[in-house]
Structures are given as structure tokens and as C-alpha cells.
Amino acid sequence: MDKETLLHDLKRTGEFMGNNKLVWGTAGNISARLNDNQFYVSASGTYLSEITEEEFSLCDENGLVEGKKPSKEHIMHQGIYENRPEINAILHSSPFYSTLVANSDIELPSNYFVEAMYYLERIVRVPYYHPGSKELAEAVKEKSKEGNILLLENHGIIVYDTNLKEARMALETLEYTSKMHITALQNGINMQGLSHGNVEDFLKNSGYKPVRKWPE
């Protein structure tokens, strides 16, 4: 994807997240891979819902290459890209319901419906480290091979996928499922999740999407 198209899609992604209450204020950052070694990430202090194409910073493994000062959490993005070469888009934010799950001991089921089975197949918790710290970046990098959804305890969430469209869908699915599960808990509703066998059969044989190839 060329630079102009990628920046346009990143801008639209920020607006989409804001319009759908998947981000608030400056509490979040997003990125997309430009090539094997470089990625664009939202600049420090930006409102994703109002972000412009000029508010993305080009970075590589050594830091800023071009543009404004990047989000201090760009090192977290770099670690994921380094560990997961098939990943081309990362969304980090703190939407209400999924952040509530991240800040609690609630285990989020992934067997409620089709999209949850696929996008929430592997959800991984990351212990609290200060935002923007090297310790957080190292913890995220270490856990990034275990799943495509990270719950950052007392912080927020990270989703990542092969492109921005898939990452947006994963984020929507995470928040929607979190809201459904918490609403059920609040109202004493007994959710009828699918069996492990049904989930495995769906992932491997339904043809919904290609089976994910998880890193060793």
C-alpha cells in the first residue's frame, strides 16, 4: 500500500474509533506498517477521533524517522511488528467495556457467536506496567505471539491484525462481546455459549476465514 492511501486509512480508522466510542480523548494510539522496517504511528497527544494525516509519525526500530514526535508507546507497536511479521495494523485504546474486563478478573468468553469465535480466539492478559515504559513494551512484545487481543491490566487493550479493516473488526468484536457479557452478568442472564468442539470445528472447517497460523 502506498504512503498516501495508508495515511488516509489511518485517519479514517481514528475517526471510526471516535464515532463508535472505541477511543476517548488522547487515550490511545494506532499504527500501520508501511514496509518491512517502517510503520506510521499516531503522534504524541493526538485526539484519534480528530486526527489528521499530518499527525502520524514514521518510525522504525530506532525510533522517529520523519514527522512529529510519536506517541511514547510507539516502542510497544515496534515490538509487535518485530515479533509478528504478518501483522500490519495495531490499535491501542481503552473502550469502556473491554477496559472494564481488563481491569477486573472477568474472563471473557469467545464462544458466544461467529465473530467472537474468530477474532477473540486467543485473549492474553498483560500485567500492569506504566504506559510508555520499556517494561510495558517488553511485556507486550513477549505476549504478542500468544494471541491477537491483549488486555493491559489497569490500562486498556491492544488489538492487531493483518490490516486496518481486520483490526477494526477485532476491536468492535471485543467491545461488543465485553458489553454483552457484562450485561448478562448484571442481569443474571445465563448465556448459552457453544461447546469447545463446536468452536474448534468452526475455526477449522467452516470456511469463515482462513485458519490463523500462530507463531511457535
N, C-alpha and C. Protein backbone atom coordinates (compact mmCIF):
# COMPACT_ATOMS: atom_id res chain seq x y z
N MET A 1 0.84 -1.19 0.00
CA MET A 1 0.00 0.00 0.00
C MET A 1 0.88 1.25 0.00
N ASP A 2 0.53 2.25 -0.83
CA ASP A 2 1.35 3.45 -0.89
C ASP A 2 1.10 4.34 0.33
N LYS A 3 2.02 5.26 0.54
CA LYS A 3 2.02 6.13 1.72
C LYS A 3 0.71 6.91 1.86
N GLU A 4 0.25 7.52 0.77
CA GLU A 4 -0.94 8.37 0.83
C GLU A 4 -2.18 7.56 1.21
N THR A 5 -2.34 6.39 0.61
CA THR A 5 -3.50 5.54 0.92
C THR A 5 -3.46 5.07 2.36
N LEU A 6 -2.28 4.69 2.83
CA LEU A 6 -2.14 4.20 4.19
C LEU A 6 -2.48 5.29 5.20
N LEU A 7 -1.98 6.50 4.99
CA LEU A 7 -2.27 7.60 5.91
C LEU A 7 -3.75 7.94 5.90
N HIS A 8 -4.38 7.88 4.73
CA HIS A 8 -5.82 8.13 4.64
C HIS A 8 -6.60 7.09 5.43
N ASP A 9 -6.20 5.83 5.29
CA ASP A 9 -6.89 4.75 6.02
C ASP A 9 -6.67 4.87 7.53
N LEU A 10 -5.49 5.29 7.93
CA LEU A 10 -5.23 5.51 9.36
C LEU A 10 -6.11 6.63 9.91
N LYS A 11 -6.21 7.70 9.17
CA LYS A 11 -7.06 8.83 9.59
C LYS A 11 -8.51 8.37 9.73
N ARG A 12 -9.01 7.62 8.76
CA ARG A 12 -10.37 7.12 8.80
C ARG A 12 -10.57 6.16 9.97
N THR A 13 -9.55 5.41 10.30
CA THR A 13 -9.63 4.48 11.43
C THR A 13 -9.77 5.25 12.74
N GLY A 14 -8.99 6.31 12.92
CA GLY A 14 -9.12 7.13 14.12
C GLY A 14 -10.51 7.72 14.24
N GLU A 15 -11.03 8.24 13.15
CA GLU A 15 -12.38 8.81 13.15
C GLU A 15 -13.43 7.74 13.47
N PHE A 16 -13.26 6.58 12.87
CA PHE A 16 -14.18 5.47 13.12
C PHE A 16 -14.19 5.09 14.60
N MET A 17 -13.02 5.01 15.19
CA MET A 17 -12.94 4.65 16.61
C MET A 17 -13.64 5.69 17.47
N GLY A 18 -13.45 6.97 17.14
CA GLY A 18 -14.10 8.03 17.90
C GLY A 18 -15.60 8.01 17.73
N ASN A 19 -16.07 7.83 16.51
CA ASN A 19 -17.51 7.83 16.22
C ASN A 19 -18.23 6.66 16.87
N ASN A 20 -17.50 5.58 17.12
CA ASN A 20 -18.12 4.39 17.69
C ASN A 20 -17.74 4.15 19.16
N LYS A 21 -17.25 5.20 19.80
CA LYS A 21 -16.90 5.15 21.23
C LYS A 21 -15.89 4.05 21.56
N LEU A 22 -14.95 3.85 20.65
CA LEU A 22 -13.89 2.87 20.85
C LEU A 22 -12.60 3.53 21.30
N VAL A 23 -12.63 4.84 21.42
CA VAL A 23 -11.49 5.61 21.93
C VAL A 23 -12.04 6.89 22.53
N TRP A 24 -11.31 7.48 23.46
CA TRP A 24 -11.75 8.76 24.03
C TRP A 24 -10.52 9.63 24.30
N GLY A 25 -10.68 10.92 24.05
CA GLY A 25 -9.60 11.88 24.31
C GLY A 25 -8.32 11.47 23.61
N THR A 26 -7.23 11.61 24.34
CA THR A 26 -5.92 11.23 23.80
C THR A 26 -5.47 9.86 24.31
N ALA A 27 -6.41 9.11 24.88
CA ALA A 27 -6.08 7.82 25.49
C ALA A 27 -6.06 6.71 24.45
N GLY A 28 -5.06 6.74 23.59
CA GLY A 28 -4.94 5.68 22.60
C GLY A 28 -3.95 6.05 21.52
N ASN A 29 -3.52 5.07 20.76
CA ASN A 29 -2.63 5.29 19.63
C ASN A 29 -2.81 4.15 18.64
N ILE A 30 -2.61 4.45 17.37
CA ILE A 30 -2.81 3.46 16.32
C ILE A 30 -1.63 3.50 15.37
N SER A 31 -1.42 2.40 14.65
CA SER A 31 -0.30 2.35 13.71
C SER A 31 -0.61 1.39 12.58
N ALA A 32 0.17 1.52 11.50
CA ALA A 32 0.09 0.59 10.38
C ALA A 32 1.46 0.49 9.74
N ARG A 33 1.78 -0.70 9.28
CA ARG A 33 3.09 -0.95 8.68
C ARG A 33 3.16 -0.38 7.26
N LEU A 34 4.21 0.38 6.97
CA LEU A 34 4.44 0.90 5.62
C LEU A 34 5.22 -0.10 4.78
N ASN A 35 6.24 -0.71 5.39
CA ASN A 35 7.05 -1.72 4.73
C ASN A 35 7.64 -2.63 5.80
N ASP A 36 8.57 -3.47 5.44
CA ASP A 36 9.12 -4.44 6.39
C ASP A 36 9.77 -3.79 7.60
N ASN A 37 10.28 -2.57 7.44
CA ASN A 37 11.07 -1.94 8.50
C ASN A 37 10.46 -0.69 9.11
N GLN A 38 9.41 -0.14 8.49
CA GLN A 38 8.87 1.14 8.95
C GLN A 38 7.36 1.06 9.16
N PHE A 39 6.87 1.89 10.08
CA PHE A 39 5.43 1.96 10.32
C PHE A 39 5.06 3.39 10.70
N TYR A 40 3.81 3.75 10.39
CA TYR A 40 3.27 5.03 10.82
C TYR A 40 2.51 4.84 12.13
N VAL A 41 2.73 5.74 13.08
CA VAL A 41 2.03 5.68 14.36
C VAL A 41 1.53 7.08 14.70
N SER A 42 0.41 7.16 15.39
CA SER A 42 -0.14 8.47 15.75
C SER A 42 0.85 9.24 16.62
N ALA A 43 0.91 10.54 16.39
CA ALA A 43 1.84 11.39 17.12
C ALA A 43 1.41 11.57 18.57
N SER A 44 2.31 12.02 19.39
CA SER A 44 2.06 12.22 20.81
C SER A 44 0.95 13.24 21.03
N GLY A 45 0.02 12.92 21.93
CA GLY A 45 -1.01 13.87 22.34
C GLY A 45 -2.13 14.09 21.36
N THR A 46 -2.30 13.23 20.37
CA THR A 46 -3.34 13.45 19.37
C THR A 46 -4.68 12.87 19.82
N TYR A 47 -5.76 13.54 19.41
CA TYR A 47 -7.11 13.03 19.57
C TYR A 47 -7.38 12.15 18.35
N LEU A 48 -7.47 10.87 18.54
CA LEU A 48 -7.64 9.99 17.39
C LEU A 48 -8.92 10.29 16.61
N SER A 49 -9.96 10.71 17.30
CA SER A 49 -11.23 10.98 16.63
C SER A 49 -11.14 12.19 15.69
N GLU A 50 -10.12 13.04 15.90
CA GLU A 50 -9.97 14.25 15.09
C GLU A 50 -8.62 14.28 14.37
N ILE A 51 -7.94 13.17 14.28
CA ILE A 51 -6.58 13.14 13.78
C ILE A 51 -6.52 13.48 12.29
N THR A 52 -5.45 14.14 11.91
CA THR A 52 -5.20 14.47 10.51
C THR A 52 -4.07 13.60 9.98
N GLU A 53 -3.90 13.59 8.69
CA GLU A 53 -2.85 12.78 8.09
C GLU A 53 -1.46 13.30 8.45
N GLU A 54 -1.38 14.57 8.86
CA GLU A 54 -0.09 15.15 9.27
C GLU A 54 0.28 14.77 10.70
N GLU A 55 -0.63 14.11 11.42
CA GLU A 55 -0.39 13.76 12.82
C GLU A 55 0.01 12.29 12.98
N PHE A 56 0.69 11.77 11.96
CA PHE A 56 1.25 10.44 12.06
C PHE A 56 2.76 10.53 11.88
N SER A 57 3.48 9.75 12.65
CA SER A 57 4.94 9.78 12.65
C SER A 57 5.47 8.48 12.04
N LEU A 58 6.43 8.62 11.14
CA LEU A 58 7.06 7.46 10.55
C LEU A 58 8.19 6.99 11.46
N CYS A 59 8.15 5.72 11.87
CA CYS A 59 9.14 5.18 12.81
C CYS A 59 9.73 3.87 12.28
N ASP A 60 10.89 3.53 12.82
CA ASP A 60 11.46 2.22 12.58
C ASP A 60 12.01 1.70 13.90
N GLU A 61 12.83 0.68 13.86
CA GLU A 61 13.33 0.06 15.09
C GLU A 61 14.17 1.01 15.93
N ASN A 62 14.65 2.09 15.33
CA ASN A 62 15.49 3.06 16.06
C ASN A 62 14.72 4.28 16.53
N GLY A 63 13.41 4.33 16.21
CA GLY A 63 12.60 5.47 16.63
C GLY A 63 12.11 6.31 15.47
N LEU A 64 12.00 7.61 15.70
CA LEU A 64 11.42 8.52 14.71
C LEU A 64 12.29 8.63 13.46
N VAL A 65 11.64 8.49 12.31
CA VAL A 65 12.29 8.68 11.02
C VAL A 65 11.88 10.00 10.40
N GLU A 66 10.59 10.31 10.52
CA GLU A 66 10.04 11.50 9.87
C GLU A 66 8.74 11.91 10.55
N GLY A 67 8.52 13.23 10.68
CA GLY A 67 7.26 13.72 11.21
C GLY A 67 7.36 14.21 12.64
N LYS A 68 6.20 14.32 13.28
CA LYS A 68 6.11 14.84 14.64
C LYS A 68 6.59 13.80 15.65
N LYS A 69 6.75 14.24 16.89
CA LYS A 69 7.11 13.33 17.98
C LYS A 69 6.07 12.23 18.09
N PRO A 70 6.48 10.97 17.99
CA PRO A 70 5.50 9.88 18.03
C PRO A 70 4.97 9.65 19.45
N SER A 71 3.85 8.96 19.53
CA SER A 71 3.35 8.51 20.83
C SER A 71 4.47 7.80 21.56
N LYS A 72 4.55 8.03 22.87
CA LYS A 72 5.61 7.40 23.64
C LYS A 72 5.46 5.88 23.66
N GLU A 73 4.30 5.39 23.24
CA GLU A 73 4.08 3.95 23.21
C GLU A 73 4.42 3.33 21.85
N HIS A 74 5.10 4.10 21.00
CA HIS A 74 5.49 3.55 19.70
C HIS A 74 6.40 2.33 19.85
N ILE A 75 7.14 2.26 20.96
CA ILE A 75 8.03 1.11 21.16
C ILE A 75 7.23 -0.18 21.39
N MET A 76 6.02 -0.01 21.90
CA MET A 76 5.12 -1.15 22.09
C MET A 76 4.68 -1.69 20.72
N HIS A 77 4.38 -0.78 19.81
CA HIS A 77 4.00 -1.17 18.45
C HIS A 77 5.17 -1.86 17.75
N GLN A 78 6.36 -1.28 17.90
CA GLN A 78 7.54 -1.83 17.25
C GLN A 78 7.77 -3.29 17.67
N GLY A 79 7.58 -3.59 18.95
CA GLY A 79 7.78 -4.94 19.44
C GLY A 79 6.83 -5.93 18.81
N ILE A 80 5.57 -5.53 18.62
CA ILE A 80 4.60 -6.43 18.00
C ILE A 80 4.97 -6.68 16.54
N TYR A 81 5.31 -5.61 15.82
CA TYR A 81 5.69 -5.79 14.41
C TYR A 81 6.93 -6.68 14.28
N GLU A 82 7.83 -6.55 15.21
CA GLU A 82 9.05 -7.35 15.17
C GLU A 82 8.76 -8.83 15.39
N ASN A 83 7.84 -9.11 16.31
CA ASN A 83 7.53 -10.50 16.65
C ASN A 83 6.53 -11.14 15.70
N ARG A 84 5.71 -10.31 15.05
CA ARG A 84 4.63 -10.84 14.21
C ARG A 84 4.70 -10.23 12.81
N PRO A 85 5.51 -10.79 11.92
CA PRO A 85 5.70 -10.21 10.58
C PRO A 85 4.44 -10.16 9.73
N GLU A 86 3.43 -10.98 10.07
CA GLU A 86 2.18 -10.95 9.29
C GLU A 86 1.23 -9.83 9.75
N ILE A 87 1.54 -9.19 10.86
CA ILE A 87 0.69 -8.12 11.40
C ILE A 87 1.05 -6.80 10.73
N ASN A 88 0.01 -6.08 10.27
CA ASN A 88 0.22 -4.81 9.57
C ASN A 88 -0.54 -3.64 10.17
N ALA A 89 -1.30 -3.88 11.25
CA ALA A 89 -2.06 -2.80 11.87
C ALA A 89 -2.27 -3.08 13.35
N ILE A 90 -2.12 -2.05 14.17
CA ILE A 90 -2.26 -2.16 15.63
C ILE A 90 -3.12 -1.02 16.15
N LEU A 91 -4.11 -1.36 16.98
CA LEU A 91 -4.99 -0.37 17.60
C LEU A 91 -4.90 -0.51 19.12
N HIS A 92 -4.55 0.58 19.79
CA HIS A 92 -4.47 0.58 21.25
C HIS A 92 -5.39 1.66 21.77
N SER A 93 -6.32 1.28 22.64
CA SER A 93 -7.26 2.26 23.20
C SER A 93 -7.80 1.74 24.51
N SER A 94 -8.80 2.44 25.05
CA SER A 94 -9.40 2.00 26.31
C SER A 94 -10.92 2.18 26.26
N PRO A 95 -11.60 1.45 25.37
CA PRO A 95 -13.06 1.50 25.33
C PRO A 95 -13.65 0.97 26.64
N PHE A 96 -14.81 1.47 27.00
CA PHE A 96 -15.34 1.28 28.35
C PHE A 96 -15.45 -0.18 28.77
N TYR A 97 -16.19 -0.98 28.03
CA TYR A 97 -16.50 -2.34 28.50
C TYR A 97 -15.28 -3.26 28.45
N SER A 98 -14.50 -3.20 27.38
CA SER A 98 -13.34 -4.08 27.32
C SER A 98 -12.25 -3.65 28.30
N THR A 99 -12.18 -2.36 28.60
CA THR A 99 -11.24 -1.91 29.63
C THR A 99 -11.72 -2.33 31.02
N LEU A 100 -13.03 -2.35 31.22
CA LEU A 100 -13.58 -2.87 32.47
C LEU A 100 -13.15 -4.33 32.65
N VAL A 101 -13.21 -5.11 31.58
CA VAL A 101 -12.76 -6.50 31.64
C VAL A 101 -11.28 -6.56 31.97
N ALA A 102 -10.49 -5.71 31.31
CA ALA A 102 -9.04 -5.70 31.54
C ALA A 102 -8.69 -5.33 32.98
N ASN A 103 -9.53 -4.50 33.61
CA ASN A 103 -9.26 -4.02 34.96
C ASN A 103 -9.86 -4.91 36.04
N SER A 104 -10.42 -6.03 35.64
CA SER A 104 -11.09 -6.92 36.60
C SER A 104 -10.57 -8.34 36.43
N ASP A 105 -11.20 -9.27 37.14
CA ASP A 105 -10.83 -10.68 36.98
C ASP A 105 -11.83 -11.42 36.09
N ILE A 106 -12.62 -10.68 35.33
CA ILE A 106 -13.59 -11.28 34.43
C ILE A 106 -12.88 -12.00 33.28
N GLU A 107 -13.27 -13.23 33.04
CA GLU A 107 -12.76 -13.98 31.89
C GLU A 107 -13.77 -13.83 30.75
N LEU A 108 -13.32 -13.30 29.63
CA LEU A 108 -14.24 -13.01 28.53
C LEU A 108 -14.38 -14.24 27.62
N PRO A 109 -15.59 -14.80 27.50
CA PRO A 109 -15.79 -15.96 26.62
C PRO A 109 -15.65 -15.56 25.15
N SER A 110 -15.22 -16.52 24.34
CA SER A 110 -15.14 -16.27 22.90
C SER A 110 -16.05 -17.21 22.13
N ASN A 111 -17.01 -17.81 22.83
CA ASN A 111 -17.86 -18.83 22.19
C ASN A 111 -19.32 -18.41 22.07
N TYR A 112 -19.58 -17.09 22.05
CA TYR A 112 -20.97 -16.63 22.00
C TYR A 112 -21.53 -16.59 20.58
N PHE A 113 -20.73 -16.17 19.62
CA PHE A 113 -21.22 -16.02 18.25
C PHE A 113 -20.03 -16.06 17.28
N VAL A 114 -20.34 -16.07 16.01
CA VAL A 114 -19.35 -16.32 14.96
C VAL A 114 -18.12 -15.42 15.06
N GLU A 115 -18.32 -14.10 15.08
CA GLU A 115 -17.20 -13.17 15.07
C GLU A 115 -16.34 -13.31 16.32
N ALA A 116 -16.97 -13.56 17.46
CA ALA A 116 -16.21 -13.75 18.70
C ALA A 116 -15.32 -14.98 18.61
N MET A 117 -15.83 -16.05 18.02
CA MET A 117 -15.04 -17.27 17.91
C MET A 117 -13.76 -17.03 17.12
N TYR A 118 -13.86 -16.22 16.07
CA TYR A 118 -12.69 -15.99 15.23
C TYR A 118 -11.78 -14.90 15.80
N TYR A 119 -12.33 -13.72 16.04
CA TYR A 119 -11.48 -12.59 16.43
C TYR A 119 -10.97 -12.68 17.87
N LEU A 120 -11.72 -13.34 18.74
CA LEU A 120 -11.34 -13.43 20.14
C LEU A 120 -10.82 -14.83 20.48
N GLU A 121 -10.33 -15.53 19.48
CA GLU A 121 -9.88 -16.90 19.67
C GLU A 121 -8.85 -17.00 20.80
N ARG A 122 -7.92 -16.05 20.83
CA ARG A 122 -6.90 -16.04 21.89
C ARG A 122 -6.81 -14.63 22.49
N ILE A 123 -7.18 -14.53 23.75
CA ILE A 123 -7.11 -13.27 24.50
C ILE A 123 -6.06 -13.44 25.58
N VAL A 124 -5.13 -12.50 25.66
CA VAL A 124 -3.98 -12.63 26.57
C VAL A 124 -3.93 -11.43 27.52
N ARG A 125 -3.70 -11.69 28.79
CA ARG A 125 -3.56 -10.62 29.77
C ARG A 125 -2.10 -10.21 29.92
N VAL A 126 -1.88 -8.90 30.09
CA VAL A 126 -0.54 -8.36 30.33
C VAL A 126 -0.59 -7.61 31.66
N PRO A 127 0.26 -7.94 32.62
CA PRO A 127 0.26 -7.24 33.92
C PRO A 127 0.53 -5.74 33.75
N TYR A 128 0.16 -4.97 34.75
CA TYR A 128 0.35 -3.52 34.67
C TYR A 128 1.82 -3.12 34.70
N TYR A 129 2.17 -2.27 33.76
CA TYR A 129 3.43 -1.51 33.76
C TYR A 129 3.06 -0.11 33.32
N HIS A 130 3.84 0.88 33.71
CA HIS A 130 3.50 2.26 33.37
C HIS A 130 3.40 2.45 31.86
N PRO A 131 2.37 3.18 31.40
CA PRO A 131 2.23 3.46 29.97
C PRO A 131 3.48 4.10 29.39
N GLY A 132 3.91 3.64 28.23
CA GLY A 132 5.08 4.19 27.57
C GLY A 132 6.40 3.68 28.07
N SER A 133 6.38 2.82 29.08
CA SER A 133 7.63 2.34 29.67
C SER A 133 8.24 1.21 28.85
N LYS A 134 9.54 1.03 28.99
CA LYS A 134 10.22 -0.09 28.33
C LYS A 134 9.70 -1.42 28.87
N GLU A 135 9.37 -1.42 30.16
CA GLU A 135 8.87 -2.65 30.77
C GLU A 135 7.55 -3.10 30.12
N LEU A 136 6.66 -2.13 29.86
CA LEU A 136 5.40 -2.46 29.20
C LEU A 136 5.67 -2.94 27.77
N ALA A 137 6.52 -2.24 27.05
CA ALA A 137 6.83 -2.63 25.67
C ALA A 137 7.40 -4.05 25.62
N GLU A 138 8.27 -4.38 26.56
CA GLU A 138 8.87 -5.72 26.60
C GLU A 138 7.82 -6.78 26.93
N ALA A 139 6.90 -6.46 27.86
CA ALA A 139 5.85 -7.41 28.23
C ALA A 139 4.90 -7.64 27.06
N VAL A 140 4.55 -6.57 26.36
CA VAL A 140 3.67 -6.68 25.20
C VAL A 140 4.33 -7.49 24.10
N LYS A 141 5.59 -7.22 23.84
CA LYS A 141 6.32 -7.97 22.81
C LYS A 141 6.34 -9.46 23.16
N GLU A 142 6.60 -9.77 24.41
CA GLU A 142 6.68 -11.17 24.85
C GLU A 142 5.35 -11.87 24.66
N LYS A 143 4.23 -11.18 24.97
CA LYS A 143 2.91 -11.80 24.90
C LYS A 143 2.31 -11.79 23.50
N SER A 144 2.90 -11.00 22.60
CA SER A 144 2.27 -10.78 21.29
C SER A 144 2.17 -12.04 20.45
N LYS A 145 3.01 -13.03 20.71
CA LYS A 145 2.95 -14.28 19.95
C LYS A 145 1.82 -15.20 20.42
N GLU A 146 1.23 -14.89 21.57
CA GLU A 146 0.25 -15.79 22.16
C GLU A 146 -1.17 -15.53 21.70
N GLY A 147 -1.43 -14.35 21.15
CA GLY A 147 -2.78 -14.02 20.71
C GLY A 147 -2.82 -12.70 19.98
N ASN A 148 -4.01 -12.35 19.45
CA ASN A 148 -4.17 -11.08 18.73
C ASN A 148 -4.94 -10.04 19.52
N ILE A 149 -5.33 -10.38 20.75
CA ILE A 149 -6.01 -9.45 21.65
C ILE A 149 -5.24 -9.43 22.96
N LEU A 150 -4.77 -8.26 23.37
CA LEU A 150 -4.09 -8.12 24.65
C LEU A 150 -4.91 -7.24 25.58
N LEU A 151 -5.16 -7.73 26.79
CA LEU A 151 -5.80 -6.93 27.83
C LEU A 151 -4.70 -6.39 28.73
N LEU A 152 -4.49 -5.09 28.71
CA LEU A 152 -3.48 -4.46 29.55
C LEU A 152 -4.12 -4.10 30.88
N GLU A 153 -3.75 -4.80 31.92
CA GLU A 153 -4.42 -4.62 33.21
C GLU A 153 -4.25 -3.21 33.72
N ASN A 154 -5.38 -2.60 34.16
CA ASN A 154 -5.41 -1.23 34.68
C ASN A 154 -4.90 -0.21 33.67
N HIS A 155 -5.16 -0.49 32.39
CA HIS A 155 -4.66 0.39 31.33
C HIS A 155 -5.62 0.44 30.16
N GLY A 156 -5.79 -0.67 29.45
CA GLY A 156 -6.63 -0.67 28.26
C GLY A 156 -6.44 -1.94 27.47
N ILE A 157 -6.54 -1.85 26.16
CA ILE A 157 -6.45 -3.03 25.31
C ILE A 157 -5.61 -2.74 24.07
N ILE A 158 -5.11 -3.82 23.46
CA ILE A 158 -4.44 -3.73 22.16
C ILE A 158 -5.01 -4.83 21.29
N VAL A 159 -5.38 -4.47 20.05
CA VAL A 159 -5.74 -5.48 19.06
C VAL A 159 -4.84 -5.26 17.85
N TYR A 160 -4.53 -6.33 17.14
CA TYR A 160 -3.70 -6.20 15.93
C TYR A 160 -4.07 -7.30 14.96
N ASP A 161 -3.89 -6.99 13.66
CA ASP A 161 -4.29 -7.96 12.65
C ASP A 161 -3.55 -7.67 11.35
N THR A 162 -3.96 -8.38 10.30
CA THR A 162 -3.24 -8.31 9.02
C THR A 162 -3.43 -6.98 8.31
N ASN A 163 -4.50 -6.25 8.61
CA ASN A 163 -4.72 -4.93 8.02
C ASN A 163 -5.65 -4.13 8.92
N LEU A 164 -5.83 -2.86 8.60
CA LEU A 164 -6.64 -1.97 9.45
C LEU A 164 -8.09 -2.41 9.51
N LYS A 165 -8.64 -2.89 8.41
CA LYS A 165 -10.04 -3.31 8.41
C LYS A 165 -10.25 -4.46 9.37
N GLU A 166 -9.36 -5.46 9.34
CA GLU A 166 -9.49 -6.60 10.24
C GLU A 166 -9.25 -6.18 11.70
N ALA A 167 -8.32 -5.26 11.92
CA ALA A 167 -8.07 -4.78 13.28
C ALA A 167 -9.29 -4.03 13.83
N ARG A 168 -9.94 -3.23 12.98
CA ARG A 168 -11.16 -2.53 13.41
C ARG A 168 -12.25 -3.54 13.79
N MET A 169 -12.39 -4.57 12.98
CA MET A 169 -13.40 -5.59 13.26
C MET A 169 -13.09 -6.30 14.58
N ALA A 170 -11.83 -6.58 14.82
CA ALA A 170 -11.44 -7.22 16.08
C ALA A 170 -11.77 -6.33 17.27
N LEU A 171 -11.51 -5.03 17.13
CA LEU A 171 -11.79 -4.09 18.22
C LEU A 171 -13.29 -3.99 18.48
N GLU A 172 -14.07 -3.88 17.42
CA GLU A 172 -15.53 -3.85 17.57
C GLU A 172 -16.04 -5.12 18.24
N THR A 173 -15.51 -6.25 17.81
CA THR A 173 -15.95 -7.53 18.37
C THR A 173 -15.61 -7.64 19.84
N LEU A 174 -14.42 -7.18 20.20
CA LEU A 174 -14.00 -7.21 21.60
C LEU A 174 -14.92 -6.37 22.47
N GLU A 175 -15.21 -5.15 22.05
CA GLU A 175 -16.06 -4.27 22.85
C GLU A 175 -17.50 -4.77 22.89
N TYR A 176 -18.01 -5.23 21.77
CA TYR A 176 -19.38 -5.74 21.69
C TYR A 176 -19.56 -6.96 22.61
N THR A 177 -18.61 -7.87 22.55
CA THR A 177 -18.68 -9.08 23.38
C THR A 177 -18.54 -8.73 24.86
N SER A 178 -17.65 -7.79 25.17
CA SER A 178 -17.48 -7.36 26.56
C SER A 178 -18.78 -6.76 27.10
N LYS A 179 -19.42 -5.94 26.30
CA LYS A 179 -20.69 -5.32 26.72
C LYS A 179 -21.76 -6.39 26.91
N MET A 180 -21.83 -7.34 25.98
CA MET A 180 -22.82 -8.41 26.09
C MET A 180 -22.59 -9.23 27.35
N HIS A 181 -21.34 -9.59 27.61
CA HIS A 181 -21.03 -10.45 28.75
C HIS A 181 -21.31 -9.73 30.08
N ILE A 182 -20.91 -8.47 30.18
CA ILE A 182 -21.14 -7.72 31.41
C ILE A 182 -22.63 -7.48 31.63
N THR A 183 -23.37 -7.20 30.56
CA THR A 183 -24.82 -7.01 30.67
C THR A 183 -25.48 -8.29 31.15
N ALA A 184 -25.02 -9.43 30.65
CA ALA A 184 -25.57 -10.72 31.09
C ALA A 184 -25.28 -10.96 32.57
N LEU A 185 -24.07 -10.65 33.01
CA LEU A 185 -23.71 -10.83 34.42
C LEU A 185 -24.57 -9.93 35.31
N GLN A 186 -24.77 -8.69 34.88
CA GLN A 186 -25.56 -7.74 35.67
C GLN A 186 -27.01 -8.17 35.83
N ASN A 187 -27.54 -8.84 34.81
CA ASN A 187 -28.96 -9.18 34.79
C ASN A 187 -29.25 -10.65 35.07
N GLY A 188 -28.21 -11.39 35.45
CA GLY A 188 -28.42 -12.79 35.78
C GLY A 188 -28.84 -13.64 34.60
N ILE A 189 -28.42 -13.23 33.39
CA ILE A 189 -28.78 -13.99 32.19
C ILE A 189 -27.78 -15.12 31.99
N ASN A 190 -28.30 -16.33 31.80
CA ASN A 190 -27.44 -17.50 31.59
C ASN A 190 -27.14 -17.61 30.10
N MET A 191 -25.94 -17.21 29.68
CA MET A 191 -25.56 -17.24 28.28
C MET A 191 -25.29 -18.68 27.83
N GLN A 192 -25.77 -19.01 26.64
CA GLN A 192 -25.61 -20.35 26.10
C GLN A 192 -24.45 -20.36 25.11
N GLY A 193 -23.22 -20.46 25.63
CA GLY A 193 -22.06 -20.50 24.76
C GLY A 193 -21.93 -21.83 24.05
N LEU A 194 -21.28 -21.82 22.89
CA LEU A 194 -21.07 -23.04 22.13
C LEU A 194 -20.02 -23.93 22.80
N SER A 195 -20.08 -25.21 22.54
CA SER A 195 -19.13 -26.15 23.11
C SER A 195 -17.75 -25.96 22.48
N HIS A 196 -16.73 -26.46 23.17
CA HIS A 196 -15.36 -26.39 22.65
C HIS A 196 -15.27 -27.09 21.30
N GLY A 197 -15.96 -28.23 21.16
CA GLY A 197 -15.94 -28.95 19.90
C GLY A 197 -16.53 -28.15 18.76
N ASN A 198 -17.63 -27.44 19.03
CA ASN A 198 -18.24 -26.60 18.01
C ASN A 198 -17.33 -25.45 17.61
N VAL A 199 -16.67 -24.86 18.59
CA VAL A 199 -15.76 -23.76 18.30
C VAL A 199 -14.60 -24.24 17.44
N GLU A 200 -13.99 -25.36 17.81
CA GLU A 200 -12.87 -25.91 17.04
C GLU A 200 -13.30 -26.26 15.62
N ASP A 201 -14.48 -26.85 15.47
CA ASP A 201 -14.97 -27.21 14.15
C ASP A 201 -15.21 -25.96 13.30
N PHE A 202 -15.75 -24.90 13.93
CA PHE A 202 -15.97 -23.64 13.21
C PHE A 202 -14.66 -23.06 12.72
N LEU A 203 -13.68 -22.99 13.59
CA LEU A 203 -12.41 -22.36 13.23
C LEU A 203 -11.70 -23.13 12.12
N LYS A 204 -11.81 -24.45 12.14
CA LYS A 204 -11.05 -25.27 11.20
C LYS A 204 -11.81 -25.63 9.93
N ASN A 205 -13.14 -25.70 10.02
CA ASN A 205 -13.88 -26.29 8.90
C ASN A 205 -14.99 -25.43 8.30
N SER A 206 -15.32 -24.29 8.93
CA SER A 206 -16.48 -23.53 8.44
C SER A 206 -16.19 -22.74 7.18
N GLY A 207 -14.91 -22.41 6.94
CA GLY A 207 -14.58 -21.58 5.78
C GLY A 207 -14.88 -20.11 5.98
N TYR A 208 -15.18 -19.71 7.24
CA TYR A 208 -15.49 -18.30 7.52
C TYR A 208 -14.31 -17.40 7.15
N LYS A 209 -13.13 -17.75 7.64
CA LYS A 209 -11.88 -17.07 7.29
C LYS A 209 -10.77 -18.11 7.37
N PRO A 210 -9.63 -17.84 6.75
CA PRO A 210 -8.52 -18.81 6.85
C PRO A 210 -8.11 -19.02 8.30
N VAL A 211 -7.75 -20.25 8.63
CA VAL A 211 -7.30 -20.57 9.98
C VAL A 211 -6.04 -19.78 10.30
N ARG A 212 -6.00 -19.14 11.46
CA ARG A 212 -4.83 -18.37 11.86
C ARG A 212 -3.64 -19.31 12.09
N LYS A 213 -2.48 -18.86 11.65
CA LYS A 213 -1.24 -19.60 11.90
C LYS A 213 -0.49 -18.89 13.02
N TRP A 214 -0.57 -19.46 14.20
CA TRP A 214 0.02 -18.82 15.37
C TRP A 214 1.52 -19.10 15.41
N PRO A 215 2.32 -18.11 15.87
CA PRO A 215 3.77 -18.30 15.98
C PRO A 215 4.10 -19.42 16.96
N GLU A 216 5.21 -20.08 16.70
CA GLU A 216 5.67 -21.13 17.61
C GLU A 216 6.21 -20.51 18.88
